Structures are given as C-alpha cells and as structure tokens.
Amino acid sequence: MGESEIFEVLRASLWTAVLMGLPILGVTLVLGFAIGLVQALTSVQEMTLTFVPKIVAVVVVFFFSIGYMTRVCLDLFNNTIIPLILG
C-alpha cells in the first residue's frame, strides 16, 4: 500500500465524515440561527429555549437520515476500502 493510496483512503474517509454530519449540522445551524433571532427580538434569554429544540431536532434528523448515513458509509467501504483489502 503506497503513500497515494493511504492519502486517497484518508481523503475519502474525511469526505464521508463531512457528508454524514452535514444533515445534522445543517439543521442545527438553521435552528440555532432562528432561535437566536427569536431570542434577540423578544429579549427572552432562557437556556432551555435553545437547548431543548436543538436536541429534539438532532434526534429527529438523525432518525430520518440514518438510511442516508448508512448508504454513504457503505459506499466508502464498498468503493474504497474493500478493493484495497482484496487487491
């Protein structure tokens, strides 16, 4: 296994990590911005107002995107790692 193959596996793994985290991070970013805007407009500075909706949103998005995350992870293994093991 050469240096270029190691870097290719590392690159593909990092890109897979980005793709797997994107749905959760995207929803959390949008929801955090919306809650922050509402808090700024209403001057309500309650910590549970930011924490609870984000946790609920993360759990819901994780539940709905677990199939996508599994498919992305399997693509990494089937297209990158398993050919290196077999070859």
C-alpha atoms as a PDB file:
ATOM      1  CA  MET A   1       0.000   0.000   0.000  1.00  0.00           C
ATOM      2  CA  GLY A   2       1.611   3.180  -1.182  1.00  0.00           C
ATOM      3  CA  GLU A   3       1.501   6.688   0.110  1.00  0.00           C
ATOM      4  CA  SER A   4      -1.003   7.805  -2.538  1.00  0.00           C
ATOM      5  CA  GLU A   5      -3.426   5.021  -1.583  1.00  0.00           C
ATOM      6  CA  ILE A   6      -3.211   5.996   2.085  1.00  0.00           C
ATOM      7  CA  PHE A   7      -3.958   9.623   1.248  1.00  0.00           C
ATOM      8  CA  GLU A   8      -6.848   8.578  -1.014  1.00  0.00           C
ATOM      9  CA  VAL A   9      -8.418   6.499   1.785  1.00  0.00           C
ATOM     10  CA  LEU A  10      -7.899   9.384   4.214  1.00  0.00           C
ATOM     11  CA  ARG A  11      -9.459  11.864   1.779  1.00  0.00           C
ATOM     12  CA  ALA A  12     -12.439   9.599   1.108  1.00  0.00           C
ATOM     13  CA  SER A  13     -12.923   8.969   4.837  1.00  0.00           C
ATOM     14  CA  LEU A  14     -12.879  12.659   5.696  1.00  0.00           C
ATOM     15  CA  TRP A  15     -15.312  13.440   2.894  1.00  0.00           C
ATOM     16  CA  THR A  16     -17.594  10.647   4.142  1.00  0.00           C
ATOM     17  CA  ALA A  17     -17.482  12.134   7.644  1.00  0.00           C
ATOM     18  CA  VAL A  18     -18.471  15.525   6.221  1.00  0.00           C
ATOM     19  CA  LEU A  19     -21.353  14.018   4.242  1.00  0.00           C
ATOM     20  CA  MET A  20     -22.581  12.058   7.251  1.00  0.00           C
ATOM     21  CA  GLY A  21     -22.529  15.069   9.556  1.00  0.00           C
ATOM     22  CA  LEU A  22     -23.998  17.537   7.077  1.00  0.00           C
ATOM     23  CA  PRO A  23     -27.724  16.895   7.689  1.00  0.00           C
ATOM     24  CA  ILE A  24     -27.455  17.219  11.475  1.00  0.00           C
ATOM     25  CA  LEU A  25     -25.113  20.192  11.391  1.00  0.00           C
ATOM     26  CA  GLY A  26     -27.193  21.967   8.762  1.00  0.00           C
ATOM     27  CA  VAL A  27     -30.440  21.642  10.698  1.00  0.00           C
ATOM     28  CA  THR A  28     -28.725  22.644  13.942  1.00  0.00           C
ATOM     29  CA  LEU A  29     -27.220  25.714  12.274  1.00  0.00           C
ATOM     30  CA  VAL A  30     -30.532  26.871  10.808  1.00  0.00           C
ATOM     31  CA  LEU A  31     -32.464  26.150  14.004  1.00  0.00           C
ATOM     32  CA  GLY A  32     -29.843  27.865  16.161  1.00  0.00           C
ATOM     33  CA  PHE A  33     -29.966  30.932  13.956  1.00  0.00           C
ATOM     34  CA  ALA A  34     -33.773  31.030  14.073  1.00  0.00           C
ATOM     35  CA  ILE A  35     -33.890  30.590  17.847  1.00  0.00           C
ATOM     36  CA  GLY A  36     -31.194  33.222  18.324  1.00  0.00           C
ATOM     37  CA  LEU A  37     -33.148  35.629  16.154  1.00  0.00           C
ATOM     38  CA  VAL A  38     -36.335  35.000  18.130  1.00  0.00           C
ATOM     39  CA  GLN A  39     -34.456  35.463  21.411  1.00  0.00           C
ATOM     40  CA  ALA A  40     -32.939  38.710  20.202  1.00  0.00           C
ATOM     41  CA  LEU A  41     -36.286  40.044  19.040  1.00  0.00           C
ATOM     42  CA  THR A  42     -38.162  39.091  22.216  1.00  0.00           C
ATOM     43  CA  SER A  43     -35.329  39.598  24.742  1.00  0.00           C
ATOM     44  CA  VAL A  44     -36.057  36.168  26.234  1.00  0.00           C
ATOM     45  CA  GLN A  45     -32.710  34.674  27.278  1.00  0.00           C
ATOM     46  CA  GLU A  46     -33.702  31.224  28.523  1.00  0.00           C
ATOM     47  CA  MET A  47     -31.115  28.446  28.097  1.00  0.00           C
ATOM     48  CA  THR A  48     -33.674  25.658  27.754  1.00  0.00           C
ATOM     49  CA  LEU A  49     -35.267  27.554  24.889  1.00  0.00           C
ATOM     50  CA  THR A  50     -32.124  26.957  22.833  1.00  0.00           C
ATOM     51  CA  PHE A  51     -31.107  23.550  24.162  1.00  0.00           C
ATOM     52  CA  VAL A  52     -34.314  21.506  24.027  1.00  0.00           C
ATOM     53  CA  PRO A  53     -35.412  22.315  20.438  1.00  0.00           C
ATOM     54  CA  LYS A  54     -31.899  21.642  19.133  1.00  0.00           C
ATOM     55  CA  ILE A  55     -31.724  18.257  20.865  1.00  0.00           C
ATOM     56  CA  VAL A  56     -35.171  17.300  19.563  1.00  0.00           C
ATOM     57  CA  ALA A  57     -34.238  18.432  16.049  1.00  0.00           C
ATOM     58  CA  VAL A  58     -30.975  16.471  16.137  1.00  0.00           C
ATOM     59  CA  VAL A  59     -32.766  13.294  17.222  1.00  0.00           C
ATOM     60  CA  VAL A  60     -35.458  13.707  14.549  1.00  0.00           C
ATOM     61  CA  VAL A  61     -32.958  14.480  11.776  1.00  0.00           C
ATOM     62  CA  PHE A  62     -30.749  11.591  12.872  1.00  0.00           C
ATOM     63  CA  PHE A  63     -33.739   9.251  12.758  1.00  0.00           C
ATOM     64  CA  PHE A  64     -34.720  10.364   9.258  1.00  0.00           C
ATOM     65  CA  SER A  65     -31.182  10.477   7.857  1.00  0.00           C
ATOM     66  CA  ILE A  66     -29.814   7.208   9.268  1.00  0.00           C
ATOM     67  CA  GLY A  67     -30.505   5.463   5.938  1.00  0.00           C
ATOM     68  CA  TYR A  68     -28.572   8.134   4.061  1.00  0.00           C
ATOM     69  CA  MET A  69     -25.693   7.939   6.534  1.00  0.00           C
ATOM     70  CA  THR A  70     -25.580   4.153   6.244  1.00  0.00           C
ATOM     71  CA  ARG A  71     -25.553   4.354   2.448  1.00  0.00           C
ATOM     72  CA  VAL A  72     -22.692   6.890   2.477  1.00  0.00           C
ATOM     73  CA  CYS A  73     -20.682   4.755   4.886  1.00  0.00           C
ATOM     74  CA  LEU A  74     -21.288   1.597   2.855  1.00  0.00           C
ATOM     75  CA  ASP A  75     -20.238   3.413  -0.321  1.00  0.00           C
ATOM     76  CA  LEU A  76     -16.938   4.279   1.359  1.00  0.00           C
ATOM     77  CA  PHE A  77     -16.318   0.671   2.298  1.00  0.00           C
ATOM     78  CA  ASN A  78     -17.514  -0.840  -0.984  1.00  0.00           C
ATOM     79  CA  ASN A  79     -15.720   1.626  -3.276  1.00  0.00           C
ATOM     80  CA  THR A  80     -12.554   2.452  -1.325  1.00  0.00           C
ATOM     81  CA  ILE A  81     -11.628   0.108   1.494  1.00  0.00           C
ATOM     82  CA  ILE A  82     -12.760  -3.316   0.303  1.00  0.00           C
ATOM     83  CA  PRO A  83     -10.943  -3.047  -3.086  1.00  0.00           C
ATOM     84  CA  LEU A  84      -7.740  -2.270  -1.168  1.00  0.00           C
ATOM     85  CA  ILE A  85      -8.232  -5.306   1.041  1.00  0.00           C
ATOM     86  CA  LEU A  86      -8.970  -7.610  -1.894  1.00  0.00           C
ATOM     87  CA  GLY A  87      -6.294  -6.168  -4.186  1.00  0.00           C
END
